[in-house]
Structure formats: structure tokens, C-alpha cells
Amino acid sequence: MPSKVDYHADQLAALGHPVRLAILRFVVQAGERGSAAGEIQNHVELPASTLSHHLKRLLEAEMLTSHQEGTFHYYAADYKALRRLTDYLWQDCCKRGGKSTSCSESRE
């Protein structure tokens, strides 16, 4: 099992590609049901094989979940994983720097 820092570094690496970040943002906007692969493909204007590569990477990083309805594959944001990632990024905010309120203001 990877350490917490390795796990989150892998998630951030997956999001470090502009196409994958665009995919995640599009899927987040779709809500809990998610988006069909064809909708995502139209949004990012990629061939199916290239899209499949990016979706696989986001699934492996546990940023997305997938389910099938008939012949359609849907991808949804894993909101719990996204919350864990953002919480991890903020958890040590201002611990070494004193009494700044910038961290609490940034999270609201």
C-alpha cells in the first residue's frame, strides 16, 4: 500500500495533464450521475482510443468511478476521493507560520 503522500502525488500527477483536468472538471459539472463517454469525447474532441487512455488514468488514480447502463459507459467524479485530496492539501495550512487567517479564508 502506498504512503499517503505517494497516493496523493499519483492523483495530482493524473490531474497534471490538461486533457485529464478538463475531463475531470467536465465530469464534476455533470453531478453524481456523471457523463457518458460519448459526451466526454465530444467535449474534449479526442479519438475514442486517446480518451480511453485518459479515462483509465483517472480511474486508476481513483478520481473517477464508472458504471454501465445498457451500451453506455458513464464516468462520475469520486467526490470522496476529491475531498480527501483537497483536505490533504489543506490539512497543514499555517501550522508552521503562526496565526494567519489566510488558510481558513481560502477554504470557504
PDB file of N, CA and C in Angstrom:
ATOM      1  N   MET A   1       0.840  -1.182   0.000  1.00  0.00           N
ATOM      2  CA  MET A   1       0.000   0.000   0.000  1.00  0.00           C
ATOM      3  C   MET A   1       0.885   1.245   0.000  1.00  0.00           C
ATOM      4  N   PRO A   2       0.650   2.163  -0.928  1.00  0.00           N
ATOM      5  CA  PRO A   2       1.490   3.369  -0.983  1.00  0.00           C
ATOM      6  C   PRO A   2       1.230   4.275   0.226  1.00  0.00           C
ATOM      7  N   SER A   3       2.215   5.076   0.558  1.00  0.00           N
ATOM      8  CA  SER A   3       2.031   6.045   1.635  1.00  0.00           C
ATOM      9  C   SER A   3       1.013   7.087   1.192  1.00  0.00           C
ATOM     10  N   LYS A   4       0.534   7.842   2.147  1.00  0.00           N
ATOM     11  CA  LYS A   4      -0.440   8.897   1.848  1.00  0.00           C
ATOM     12  C   LYS A   4       0.130   9.909   0.861  1.00  0.00           C
ATOM     13  N   VAL A   5       1.374  10.284   1.057  1.00  0.00           N
ATOM     14  CA  VAL A   5       1.975  11.268   0.153  1.00  0.00           C
ATOM     15  C   VAL A   5       2.128  10.678  -1.252  1.00  0.00           C
ATOM     16  N   ASP A   6       2.501   9.404  -1.361  1.00  0.00           N
ATOM     17  CA  ASP A   6       2.619   8.765  -2.678  1.00  0.00           C
ATOM     18  C   ASP A   6       1.260   8.658  -3.359  1.00  0.00           C
ATOM     19  N   TYR A   7       0.255   8.291  -2.592  1.00  0.00           N
ATOM     20  CA  TYR A   7      -1.107   8.155  -3.123  1.00  0.00           C
ATOM     21  C   TYR A   7      -1.600   9.488  -3.696  1.00  0.00           C
ATOM     22  N   HIS A   8      -1.460  10.550  -2.918  1.00  0.00           N
ATOM     23  CA  HIS A   8      -1.937  11.857  -3.371  1.00  0.00           C
ATOM     24  C   HIS A   8      -1.048  12.428  -4.483  1.00  0.00           C
ATOM     25  N   ALA A   9       0.235  12.126  -4.445  1.00  0.00           N
ATOM     26  CA  ALA A   9       1.113  12.559  -5.536  1.00  0.00           C
ATOM     27  C   ALA A   9       0.685  11.911  -6.848  1.00  0.00           C
ATOM     28  N   ASP A  10       0.271  10.652  -6.795  1.00  0.00           N
ATOM     29  CA  ASP A  10      -0.213   9.978  -8.001  1.00  0.00           C
ATOM     30  C   ASP A  10      -1.497  10.640  -8.504  1.00  0.00           C
ATOM     31  N   GLN A  11      -2.382  11.009  -7.595  1.00  0.00           N
ATOM     32  CA  GLN A  11      -3.607  11.702  -8.006  1.00  0.00           C
ATOM     33  C   GLN A  11      -3.274  13.033  -8.671  1.00  0.00           C
ATOM     34  N   LEU A  12      -2.380  13.776  -8.066  1.00  0.00           N
ATOM     35  CA  LEU A  12      -2.001  15.071  -8.644  1.00  0.00           C
ATOM     36  C   LEU A  12      -1.299  14.894  -9.989  1.00  0.00           C
ATOM     37  N   ALA A  13      -0.511  13.846 -10.125  1.00  0.00           N
ATOM     38  CA  ALA A  13       0.139  13.576 -11.410  1.00  0.00           C
ATOM     39  C   ALA A  13      -0.914  13.283 -12.477  1.00  0.00           C
ATOM     40  N   ALA A  14      -1.954  12.541 -12.107  1.00  0.00           N
ATOM     41  CA  ALA A  14      -3.026  12.253 -13.066  1.00  0.00           C
ATOM     42  C   ALA A  14      -3.712  13.541 -13.490  1.00  0.00           C
ATOM     43  N   LEU A  15      -3.858  14.468 -12.587  1.00  0.00           N
ATOM     44  CA  LEU A  15      -4.506  15.741 -12.903  1.00  0.00           C
ATOM     45  C   LEU A  15      -3.558  16.724 -13.576  1.00  0.00           C
ATOM     46  N   GLY A  16      -2.285  16.363 -13.660  1.00  0.00           N
ATOM     47  CA  GLY A  16      -1.288  17.254 -14.232  1.00  0.00           C
ATOM     48  C   GLY A  16      -1.297  17.331 -15.748  1.00  0.00           C
ATOM     49  N   HIS A  17      -2.187  16.621 -16.386  1.00  0.00           N
ATOM     50  CA  HIS A  17      -2.308  16.684 -17.840  1.00  0.00           C
ATOM     51  C   HIS A  17      -3.525  17.533 -18.177  1.00  0.00           C
ATOM     52  N   PRO A  18      -3.408  18.510 -19.059  1.00  0.00           N
ATOM     53  CA  PRO A  18      -4.530  19.414 -19.352  1.00  0.00           C
ATOM     54  C   PRO A  18      -5.802  18.695 -19.800  1.00  0.00           C
ATOM     55  N   VAL A  19      -5.671  17.639 -20.573  1.00  0.00           N
ATOM     56  CA  VAL A  19      -6.869  16.912 -21.028  1.00  0.00           C
ATOM     57  C   VAL A  19      -7.549  16.219 -19.862  1.00  0.00           C
ATOM     58  N   ARG A  20      -6.766  15.588 -18.994  1.00  0.00           N
ATOM     59  CA  ARG A  20      -7.380  14.898 -17.851  1.00  0.00           C
ATOM     60  C   ARG A  20      -8.029  15.892 -16.889  1.00  0.00           C
ATOM     61  N   LEU A  21      -7.416  17.033 -16.711  1.00  0.00           N
ATOM     62  CA  LEU A  21      -8.030  18.052 -15.865  1.00  0.00           C
ATOM     63  C   LEU A  21      -9.333  18.539 -16.488  1.00  0.00           C
ATOM     64  N   ALA A  22      -9.354  18.732 -17.786  1.00  0.00           N
ATOM     65  CA  ALA A  22     -10.590  19.139 -18.475  1.00  0.00           C
ATOM     66  C   ALA A  22     -11.662  18.065 -18.352  1.00  0.00           C
ATOM     67  N   ILE A  23     -11.273  16.807 -18.470  1.00  0.00           N
ATOM     68  CA  ILE A  23     -12.229  15.705 -18.318  1.00  0.00           C
ATOM     69  C   ILE A  23     -12.814  15.714 -16.913  1.00  0.00           C
ATOM     70  N   LEU A  24     -11.954  15.814 -15.908  1.00  0.00           N
ATOM     71  CA  LEU A  24     -12.451  15.791 -14.528  1.00  0.00           C
ATOM     72  C   LEU A  24     -13.399  16.950 -14.272  1.00  0.00           C
ATOM     73  N   ARG A  25     -13.039  18.130 -14.709  1.00  0.00           N
ATOM     74  CA  ARG A  25     -13.918  19.292 -14.489  1.00  0.00           C
ATOM     75  C   ARG A  25     -15.265  19.096 -15.183  1.00  0.00           C
ATOM     76  N   PHE A  26     -15.260  18.558 -16.387  1.00  0.00           N
ATOM     77  CA  PHE A  26     -16.497  18.309 -17.119  1.00  0.00           C
ATOM     78  C   PHE A  26     -17.360  17.285 -16.386  1.00  0.00           C
ATOM     79  N   VAL A  27     -16.731  16.230 -15.912  1.00  0.00           N
ATOM     80  CA  VAL A  27     -17.467  15.178 -15.208  1.00  0.00           C
ATOM     81  C   VAL A  27     -18.000  15.687 -13.864  1.00  0.00           C
ATOM     82  N   VAL A  28     -17.220  16.493 -13.168  1.00  0.00           N
ATOM     83  CA  VAL A  28     -17.689  17.077 -11.904  1.00  0.00           C
ATOM     84  C   VAL A  28     -18.944  17.913 -12.147  1.00  0.00           C
ATOM     85  N   GLN A  29     -18.951  18.677 -13.236  1.00  0.00           N
ATOM     86  CA  GLN A  29     -20.101  19.525 -13.549  1.00  0.00           C
ATOM     87  C   GLN A  29     -21.353  18.708 -13.847  1.00  0.00           C
ATOM     88  N   ALA A  30     -21.187  17.448 -14.237  1.00  0.00           N
ATOM     89  CA  ALA A  30     -22.326  16.595 -14.578  1.00  0.00           C
ATOM     90  C   ALA A  30     -23.071  16.092 -13.341  1.00  0.00           C
ATOM     91  N   GLY A  31     -22.481  16.210 -12.171  1.00  0.00           N
ATOM     92  CA  GLY A  31     -23.135  15.738 -10.960  1.00  0.00           C
ATOM     93  C   GLY A  31     -22.911  14.255 -10.715  1.00  0.00           C
ATOM     94  N   GLU A  32     -23.683  13.704  -9.789  1.00  0.00           N
ATOM     95  CA  GLU A  32     -23.474  12.336  -9.330  1.00  0.00           C
ATOM     96  C   GLU A  32     -23.667  11.283 -10.414  1.00  0.00           C
ATOM     97  N   ARG A  33     -24.563  11.509 -11.339  1.00  0.00           N
ATOM     98  CA  ARG A  33     -24.799  10.523 -12.405  1.00  0.00           C
ATOM     99  C   ARG A  33     -23.595  10.415 -13.332  1.00  0.00           C
ATOM    100  N   GLY A  34     -22.887  11.514 -13.506  1.00  0.00           N
ATOM    101  CA  GLY A  34     -21.717  11.518 -14.368  1.00  0.00           C
ATOM    102  C   GLY A  34     -22.067  11.809 -15.811  1.00  0.00           C
ATOM    103  N   SER A  35     -21.123  11.527 -16.683  1.00  0.00           N
ATOM    104  CA  SER A  35     -21.264  11.785 -18.112  1.00  0.00           C
ATOM    105  C   SER A  35     -20.972  10.512 -18.889  1.00  0.00           C
ATOM    106  N   ALA A  36     -21.692  10.332 -19.971  1.00  0.00           N
ATOM    107  CA  ALA A  36     -21.413   9.219 -20.866  1.00  0.00           C
ATOM    108  C   ALA A  36     -20.092   9.470 -21.573  1.00  0.00           C
ATOM    109  N   ALA A  37     -19.416   8.399 -21.912  1.00  0.00           N
ATOM    110  CA  ALA A  37     -18.118   8.518 -22.590  1.00  0.00           C
ATOM    111  C   ALA A  37     -18.237   9.362 -23.862  1.00  0.00           C
ATOM    112  N   GLY A  38     -19.322   9.206 -24.593  1.00  0.00           N
ATOM    113  CA  GLY A  38     -19.517   9.983 -25.817  1.00  0.00           C
ATOM    114  C   GLY A  38     -19.635  11.468 -25.556  1.00  0.00           C
ATOM    115  N   GLU A  39     -20.277  11.837 -24.449  1.00  0.00           N
ATOM    116  CA  GLU A  39     -20.381  13.257 -24.085  1.00  0.00           C
ATOM    117  C   GLU A  39     -19.002  13.825 -23.753  1.00  0.00           C
ATOM    118  N   ILE A  40     -18.231  13.038 -23.021  1.00  0.00           N
ATOM    119  CA  ILE A  40     -16.877  13.472 -22.662  1.00  0.00           C
ATOM    120  C   ILE A  40     -16.039  13.613 -23.931  1.00  0.00           C
ATOM    121  N   GLN A  41     -16.167  12.636 -24.818  1.00  0.00           N
ATOM    122  CA  GLN A  41     -15.401  12.671 -26.063  1.00  0.00           C
ATOM    123  C   GLN A  41     -15.729  13.913 -26.887  1.00  0.00           C
ATOM    124  N   ASN A  42     -17.011  14.250 -26.981  1.00  0.00           N
ATOM    125  CA  ASN A  42     -17.398  15.465 -27.703  1.00  0.00           C
ATOM    126  C   ASN A  42     -16.833  16.712 -27.050  1.00  0.00           C
ATOM    127  N   HIS A  43     -16.784  16.719 -25.729  1.00  0.00           N
ATOM    128  CA  HIS A  43     -16.293  17.891 -25.010  1.00  0.00           C
ATOM    129  C   HIS A  43     -14.796  18.111 -25.246  1.00  0.00           C
ATOM    130  N   VAL A  44     -14.022  17.043 -25.165  1.00  0.00           N
ATOM    131  CA  VAL A  44     -12.568  17.199 -25.277  1.00  0.00           C
ATOM    132  C   VAL A  44     -12.049  16.974 -26.695  1.00  0.00           C
ATOM    133  N   GLU A  45     -12.933  16.551 -27.583  1.00  0.00           N
ATOM    134  CA  GLU A  45     -12.608  16.380 -29.002  1.00  0.00           C
ATOM    135  C   GLU A  45     -11.373  15.514 -29.210  1.00  0.00           C
ATOM    136  N   LEU A  46     -11.471  14.274 -28.713  1.00  0.00           N
ATOM    137  CA  LEU A  46     -10.384  13.316 -28.859  1.00  0.00           C
ATOM    138  C   LEU A  46     -10.890  12.037 -29.504  1.00  0.00           C
ATOM    139  N   PRO A  47     -10.024  11.298 -30.177  1.00  0.00           N
ATOM    140  CA  PRO A  47     -10.418   9.968 -30.642  1.00  0.00           C
ATOM    141  C   PRO A  47     -10.727   9.066 -29.441  1.00  0.00           C
ATOM    142  N   ALA A  48     -11.576   8.098 -29.647  1.00  0.00           N
ATOM    143  CA  ALA A  48     -12.005   7.217 -28.559  1.00  0.00           C
ATOM    144  C   ALA A  48     -10.825   6.531 -27.872  1.00  0.00           C
ATOM    145  N   SER A  49      -9.841   6.105 -28.640  1.00  0.00           N
ATOM    146  CA  SER A  49      -8.699   5.401 -28.040  1.00  0.00           C
ATOM    147  C   SER A  49      -7.896   6.321 -27.120  1.00  0.00           C
ATOM    148  N   THR A  50      -7.727   7.558 -27.512  1.00  0.00           N
ATOM    149  CA  THR A  50      -6.997   8.520 -26.682  1.00  0.00           C
ATOM    150  C   THR A  50      -7.796   8.863 -25.434  1.00  0.00           C
ATOM    151  N   LEU A  51      -9.100   9.061 -25.606  1.00  0.00           N
ATOM    152  CA  LEU A  51      -9.957   9.331 -24.455  1.00  0.00           C
ATOM    153  C   LEU A  51      -9.899   8.166 -23.472  1.00  0.00           C
ATOM    154  N   SER A  52      -9.959   6.952 -23.987  1.00  0.00           N
ATOM    155  CA  SER A  52      -9.916   5.761 -23.147  1.00  0.00           C
ATOM    156  C   SER A  52      -8.661   5.746 -22.283  1.00  0.00           C
ATOM    157  N   HIS A  53      -7.532   6.113 -22.857  1.00  0.00           N
ATOM    158  CA  HIS A  53      -6.269   6.196 -22.111  1.00  0.00           C
ATOM    159  C   HIS A  53      -6.392   7.176 -20.942  1.00  0.00           C
ATOM    160  N   HIS A  54      -6.939   8.354 -21.198  1.00  0.00           N
ATOM    161  CA  HIS A  54      -7.066   9.366 -20.142  1.00  0.00           C
ATOM    162  C   HIS A  54      -8.073   8.953 -19.077  1.00  0.00           C
ATOM    163  N   LEU A  55      -9.183   8.362 -19.489  1.00  0.00           N
ATOM    164  CA  LEU A  55     -10.168   7.897 -18.516  1.00  0.00           C
ATOM    165  C   LEU A  55      -9.581   6.792 -17.636  1.00  0.00           C
ATOM    166  N   LYS A  56      -8.828   5.904 -18.242  1.00  0.00           N
ATOM    167  CA  LYS A  56      -8.189   4.826 -17.479  1.00  0.00           C
ATOM    168  C   LYS A  56      -7.256   5.398 -16.422  1.00  0.00           C
ATOM    169  N   ARG A  57      -6.499   6.400 -16.800  1.00  0.00           N
ATOM    170  CA  ARG A  57      -5.554   7.019 -15.846  1.00  0.00           C
ATOM    171  C   ARG A  57      -6.295   7.661 -14.680  1.00  0.00           C
ATOM    172  N   LEU A  58      -7.410   8.323 -14.961  1.00  0.00           N
ATOM    173  CA  LEU A  58      -8.197   8.943 -13.888  1.00  0.00           C
ATOM    174  C   LEU A  58      -8.873   7.893 -13.011  1.00  0.00           C
ATOM    175  N   LEU A  59      -9.294   6.789 -13.606  1.00  0.00           N
ATOM    176  CA  LEU A  59      -9.863   5.691 -12.822  1.00  0.00           C
ATOM    177  C   LEU A  59      -8.804   5.073 -11.917  1.00  0.00           C
ATOM    178  N   GLU A  60      -7.611   4.841 -12.464  1.00  0.00           N
ATOM    179  CA  GLU A  60      -6.522   4.262 -11.674  1.00  0.00           C
ATOM    180  C   GLU A  60      -6.126   5.157 -10.505  1.00  0.00           C
ATOM    181  N   ALA A  61      -6.220   6.465 -10.699  1.00  0.00           N
ATOM    182  CA  ALA A  61      -5.885   7.422  -9.637  1.00  0.00           C
ATOM    183  C   ALA A  61      -7.063   7.628  -8.684  1.00  0.00           C
ATOM    184  N   GLU A  62      -8.135   6.900  -8.922  1.00  0.00           N
ATOM    185  CA  GLU A  62      -9.345   6.951  -8.086  1.00  0.00           C
ATOM    186  C   GLU A  62      -9.986   8.328  -8.048  1.00  0.00           C
ATOM    187  N   MET A  63      -9.886   9.034  -9.165  1.00  0.00           N
ATOM    188  CA  MET A  63     -10.536  10.329  -9.283  1.00  0.00           C
ATOM    189  C   MET A  63     -11.928  10.180  -9.897  1.00  0.00           C
ATOM    190  N   LEU A  64     -12.139   9.097 -10.639  1.00  0.00           N
ATOM    191  CA  LEU A  64     -13.413   8.811 -11.291  1.00  0.00           C
ATOM    192  C   LEU A  64     -13.898   7.429 -10.915  1.00  0.00           C
ATOM    193  N   THR A  65     -15.202   7.240 -11.035  1.00  0.00           N
ATOM    194  CA  THR A  65     -15.812   5.924 -10.975  1.00  0.00           C
ATOM    195  C   THR A  65     -16.500   5.705 -12.315  1.00  0.00           C
ATOM    196  N   SER A  66     -16.824   4.464 -12.613  1.00  0.00           N
ATOM    197  CA  SER A  66     -17.525   4.200 -13.870  1.00  0.00           C
ATOM    198  C   SER A  66     -18.625   3.181 -13.639  1.00  0.00           C
ATOM    199  N   HIS A  67     -19.633   3.275 -14.475  1.00  0.00           N
ATOM    200  CA  HIS A  67     -20.696   2.271 -14.474  1.00  0.00           C
ATOM    201  C   HIS A  67     -21.285   2.200 -15.876  1.00  0.00           C
ATOM    202  N   GLN A  68     -21.942   1.095 -16.134  1.00  0.00           N
ATOM    203  CA  GLN A  68     -22.516   0.886 -17.452  1.00  0.00           C
ATOM    204  C   GLN A  68     -24.040   0.844 -17.339  1.00  0.00           C
ATOM    205  N   GLU A  69     -24.693   1.494 -18.287  1.00  0.00           N
ATOM    206  CA  GLU A  69     -26.152   1.451 -18.426  1.00  0.00           C
ATOM    207  C   GLU A  69     -26.427   1.047 -19.863  1.00  0.00           C
ATOM    208  N   GLY A  70     -26.829  -0.193 -20.054  1.00  0.00           N
ATOM    209  CA  GLY A  70     -27.017  -0.688 -21.409  1.00  0.00           C
ATOM    210  C   GLY A  70     -25.692  -0.685 -22.134  1.00  0.00           C
ATOM    211  N   THR A  71     -25.637  -0.002 -23.262  1.00  0.00           N
ATOM    212  CA  THR A  71     -24.394   0.060 -24.035  1.00  0.00           C
ATOM    213  C   THR A  71     -23.570   1.310 -23.718  1.00  0.00           C
ATOM    214  N   PHE A  72     -24.034   2.125 -22.789  1.00  0.00           N
ATOM    215  CA  PHE A  72     -23.354   3.379 -22.459  1.00  0.00           C
ATOM    216  C   PHE A  72     -22.486   3.215 -21.215  1.00  0.00           C
ATOM    217  N   HIS A  73     -21.277   3.743 -21.292  1.00  0.00           N
ATOM    218  CA  HIS A  73     -20.380   3.796 -20.137  1.00  0.00           C
ATOM    219  C   HIS A  73     -20.415   5.212 -19.581  1.00  0.00           C
ATOM    220  N   TYR A  74     -20.676   5.297 -18.287  1.00  0.00           N
ATOM    221  CA  TYR A  74     -20.723   6.586 -17.610  1.00  0.00           C
ATOM    222  C   TYR A  74     -19.549   6.711 -16.661  1.00  0.00           C
ATOM    223  N   TYR A  75     -19.043   7.924 -16.565  1.00  0.00           N
ATOM    224  CA  TYR A  75     -17.947   8.233 -15.668  1.00  0.00           C
ATOM    225  C   TYR A  75     -18.394   9.363 -14.750  1.00  0.00           C
ATOM    226  N   ALA A  76     -18.169   9.163 -13.462  1.00  0.00           N
ATOM    227  CA  ALA A  76     -18.567  10.162 -12.466  1.00  0.00           C
ATOM    228  C   ALA A  76     -17.362  10.485 -11.586  1.00  0.00           C
ATOM    229  N   ALA A  77     -17.356  11.679 -11.067  1.00  0.00           N
ATOM    230  CA  ALA A  77     -16.300  12.079 -10.137  1.00  0.00           C
ATOM    231  C   ALA A  77     -16.454  11.294  -8.848  1.00  0.00           C
ATOM    232  N   ASP A  78     -15.341  10.892  -8.278  1.00  0.00           N
ATOM    233  CA  ASP A  78     -15.354  10.278  -6.952  1.00  0.00           C
ATOM    234  C   ASP A  78     -15.192  11.434  -5.959  1.00  0.00           C
ATOM    235  N   TYR A  79     -16.320  11.964  -5.532  1.00  0.00           N
ATOM    236  CA  TYR A  79     -16.301  13.169  -4.699  1.00  0.00           C
ATOM    237  C   TYR A  79     -15.588  12.945  -3.369  1.00  0.00           C
ATOM    238  N   LYS A  80     -15.703  11.758  -2.810  1.00  0.00           N
ATOM    239  CA  LYS A  80     -14.998  11.478  -1.555  1.00  0.00           C
ATOM    240  C   LYS A  80     -13.491  11.523  -1.762  1.00  0.00           C
ATOM    241  N   ALA A  81     -13.022  10.960  -2.872  1.00  0.00           N
ATOM    242  CA  ALA A  81     -11.586  10.991  -3.162  1.00  0.00           C
ATOM    243  C   ALA A  81     -11.112  12.422  -3.411  1.00  0.00           C
ATOM    244  N   LEU A  82     -11.923  13.198  -4.125  1.00  0.00           N
ATOM    245  CA  LEU A  82     -11.561  14.597  -4.365  1.00  0.00           C
ATOM    246  C   LEU A  82     -11.500  15.373  -3.055  1.00  0.00           C
ATOM    247  N   ARG A  83     -12.437  15.114  -2.163  1.00  0.00           N
ATOM    248  CA  ARG A  83     -12.437  15.791  -0.860  1.00  0.00           C
ATOM    249  C   ARG A  83     -11.215  15.379  -0.043  1.00  0.00           C
ATOM    250  N   ARG A  84     -10.870  14.075  -0.073  1.00  0.00           N
ATOM    251  CA  ARG A  84      -9.677  13.631   0.658  1.00  0.00           C
ATOM    252  C   ARG A  84      -8.421  14.311   0.113  1.00  0.00           C
ATOM    253  N   LEU A  85      -8.349  14.461  -1.205  1.00  0.00           N
ATOM    254  CA  LEU A  85      -7.185  15.116  -1.805  1.00  0.00           C
ATOM    255  C   LEU A  85      -7.104  16.575  -1.381  1.00  0.00           C
ATOM    256  N   THR A  86      -8.204  17.289  -1.487  1.00  0.00           N
ATOM    257  CA  THR A  86      -8.157  18.713  -1.112  1.00  0.00           C
ATOM    258  C   THR A  86      -7.944  18.872   0.392  1.00  0.00           C
ATOM    259  N   ASP A  87      -8.533  17.999   1.195  1.00  0.00           N
ATOM    260  CA  ASP A  87      -8.290  18.058   2.643  1.00  0.00           C
ATOM    261  C   ASP A  87      -6.814  17.827   2.949  1.00  0.00           C
ATOM    262  N   TYR A  88      -6.210  16.870   2.238  1.00  0.00           N
ATOM    263  CA  TYR A  88      -4.790  16.592   2.436  1.00  0.00           C
ATOM    264  C   TYR A  88      -3.955  17.831   2.096  1.00  0.00           C
ATOM    265  N   LEU A  89      -4.305  18.502   1.026  1.00  0.00           N
ATOM    266  CA  LEU A  89      -3.545  19.688   0.630  1.00  0.00           C
ATOM    267  C   LEU A  89      -3.652  20.806   1.657  1.00  0.00           C
ATOM    268  N   TRP A  90      -4.773  20.876   2.351  1.00  0.00           N
ATOM    269  CA  TRP A  90      -5.011  21.966   3.298  1.00  0.00           C
ATOM    270  C   TRP A  90      -4.722  21.595   4.752  1.00  0.00           C
ATOM    271  N   GLN A  91      -4.529  20.327   5.061  1.00  0.00           N
ATOM    272  CA  GLN A  91      -4.505  19.916   6.466  1.00  0.00           C
ATOM    273  C   GLN A  91      -3.417  20.561   7.299  1.00  0.00           C
ATOM    274  N   ASP A  92      -2.315  20.905   6.708  1.00  0.00           N
ATOM    275  CA  ASP A  92      -1.224  21.506   7.473  1.00  0.00           C
ATOM    276  C   ASP A  92      -1.100  23.005   7.277  1.00  0.00           C
ATOM    277  N   CYS A  93      -2.109  23.606   6.687  1.00  0.00           N
ATOM    278  CA  CYS A  93      -2.055  25.030   6.394  1.00  0.00           C
ATOM    279  C   CYS A  93      -1.798  25.836   7.664  1.00  0.00           C
ATOM    280  N   CYS A  94      -0.784  26.656   7.597  1.00  0.00           N
ATOM    281  CA  CYS A  94      -0.427  27.626   8.646  1.00  0.00           C
ATOM    282  C   CYS A  94       0.063  26.990   9.939  1.00  0.00           C
ATOM    283  N   LYS A  95       0.376  25.703   9.954  1.00  0.00           N
ATOM    284  CA  LYS A  95       0.859  25.084  11.191  1.00  0.00           C
ATOM    285  C   LYS A  95       2.228  25.622  11.589  1.00  0.00           C
ATOM    286  N   ARG A  96       3.055  25.960  10.618  1.00  0.00           N
ATOM    287  CA  ARG A  96       4.389  26.473  10.947  1.00  0.00           C
ATOM    288  C   ARG A  96       4.435  27.983  10.937  1.00  0.00           C
ATOM    289  N   GLY A  97       3.429  28.614  10.371  1.00  0.00           N
ATOM    290  CA  GLY A  97       3.517  30.046  10.137  1.00  0.00           C
ATOM    291  C   GLY A  97       2.805  30.930  11.135  1.00  0.00           C
ATOM    292  N   GLY A  98       2.223  30.384  12.156  1.00  0.00           N
ATOM    293  CA  GLY A  98       1.606  31.251  13.146  1.00  0.00           C
ATOM    294  C   GLY A  98       0.117  31.401  12.984  1.00  0.00           C
ATOM    295  N   LYS A  99      -0.361  32.640  13.137  1.00  0.00           N
ATOM    296  CA  LYS A  99      -1.786  32.900  13.324  1.00  0.00           C
ATOM    297  C   LYS A  99      -2.480  33.483  12.104  1.00  0.00           C
ATOM    298  N   SER A 100      -1.995  33.222  10.932  1.00  0.00           N
ATOM    299  CA  SER A 100      -2.613  33.755   9.722  1.00  0.00           C
ATOM    300  C   SER A 100      -4.009  33.174   9.537  1.00  0.00           C
ATOM    301  N   THR A 101      -4.910  33.997   9.067  1.00  0.00           N
ATOM    302  CA  THR A 101      -6.267  33.516   8.766  1.00  0.00           C
ATOM    303  C   THR A 101      -6.428  33.176   7.295  1.00  0.00           C
ATOM    304  N   SER A 102      -5.355  33.281   6.522  1.00  0.00           N
ATOM    305  CA  SER A 102      -5.465  33.056   5.079  1.00  0.00           C
ATOM    306  C   SER A 102      -5.918  31.648   4.734  1.00  0.00           C
ATOM    307  N   CYS A 103      -5.548  30.668   5.507  1.00  0.00           N
ATOM    308  CA  CYS A 103      -5.970  29.296   5.200  1.00  0.00           C
ATOM    309  C   CYS A 103      -7.468  29.120   5.394  1.00  0.00           C
ATOM    310  N   SER A 104      -8.005  29.568   6.470  1.00  0.00           N
ATOM    311  CA  SER A 104      -9.429  29.388   6.711  1.00  0.00           C
ATOM    312  C   SER A 104     -10.254  30.206   5.717  1.00  0.00           C
ATOM    313  N   GLU A 105      -9.763  31.367   5.315  1.00  0.00           N
ATOM    314  CA  GLU A 105     -10.470  32.179   4.341  1.00  0.00           C
ATOM    315  C   GLU A 105     -10.458  31.523   2.961  1.00  0.00           C
ATOM    316  N   SER A 106      -9.359  30.853   2.614  1.00  0.00           N
ATOM    317  CA  SER A 106      -9.219  30.227   1.304  1.00  0.00           C
ATOM    318  C   SER A 106     -10.133  29.028   1.148  1.00  0.00           C
ATOM    319  N   ARG A 107     -10.502  28.362   2.209  1.00  0.00           N
ATOM    320  CA  ARG A 107     -11.296  27.139   2.128  1.00  0.00           C
ATOM    321  C   ARG A 107     -12.782  27.416   2.067  1.00  0.00           C
ATOM    322  N   GLU A 108     -13.198  28.602   2.315  1.00  0.00           N
ATOM    323  CA  GLU A 108     -14.636  28.883   2.336  1.00  0.00           C
ATOM    324  C   GLU A 108     -15.191  29.168   0.973  1.00  0.00           C
TER     325      GLU A 108
END
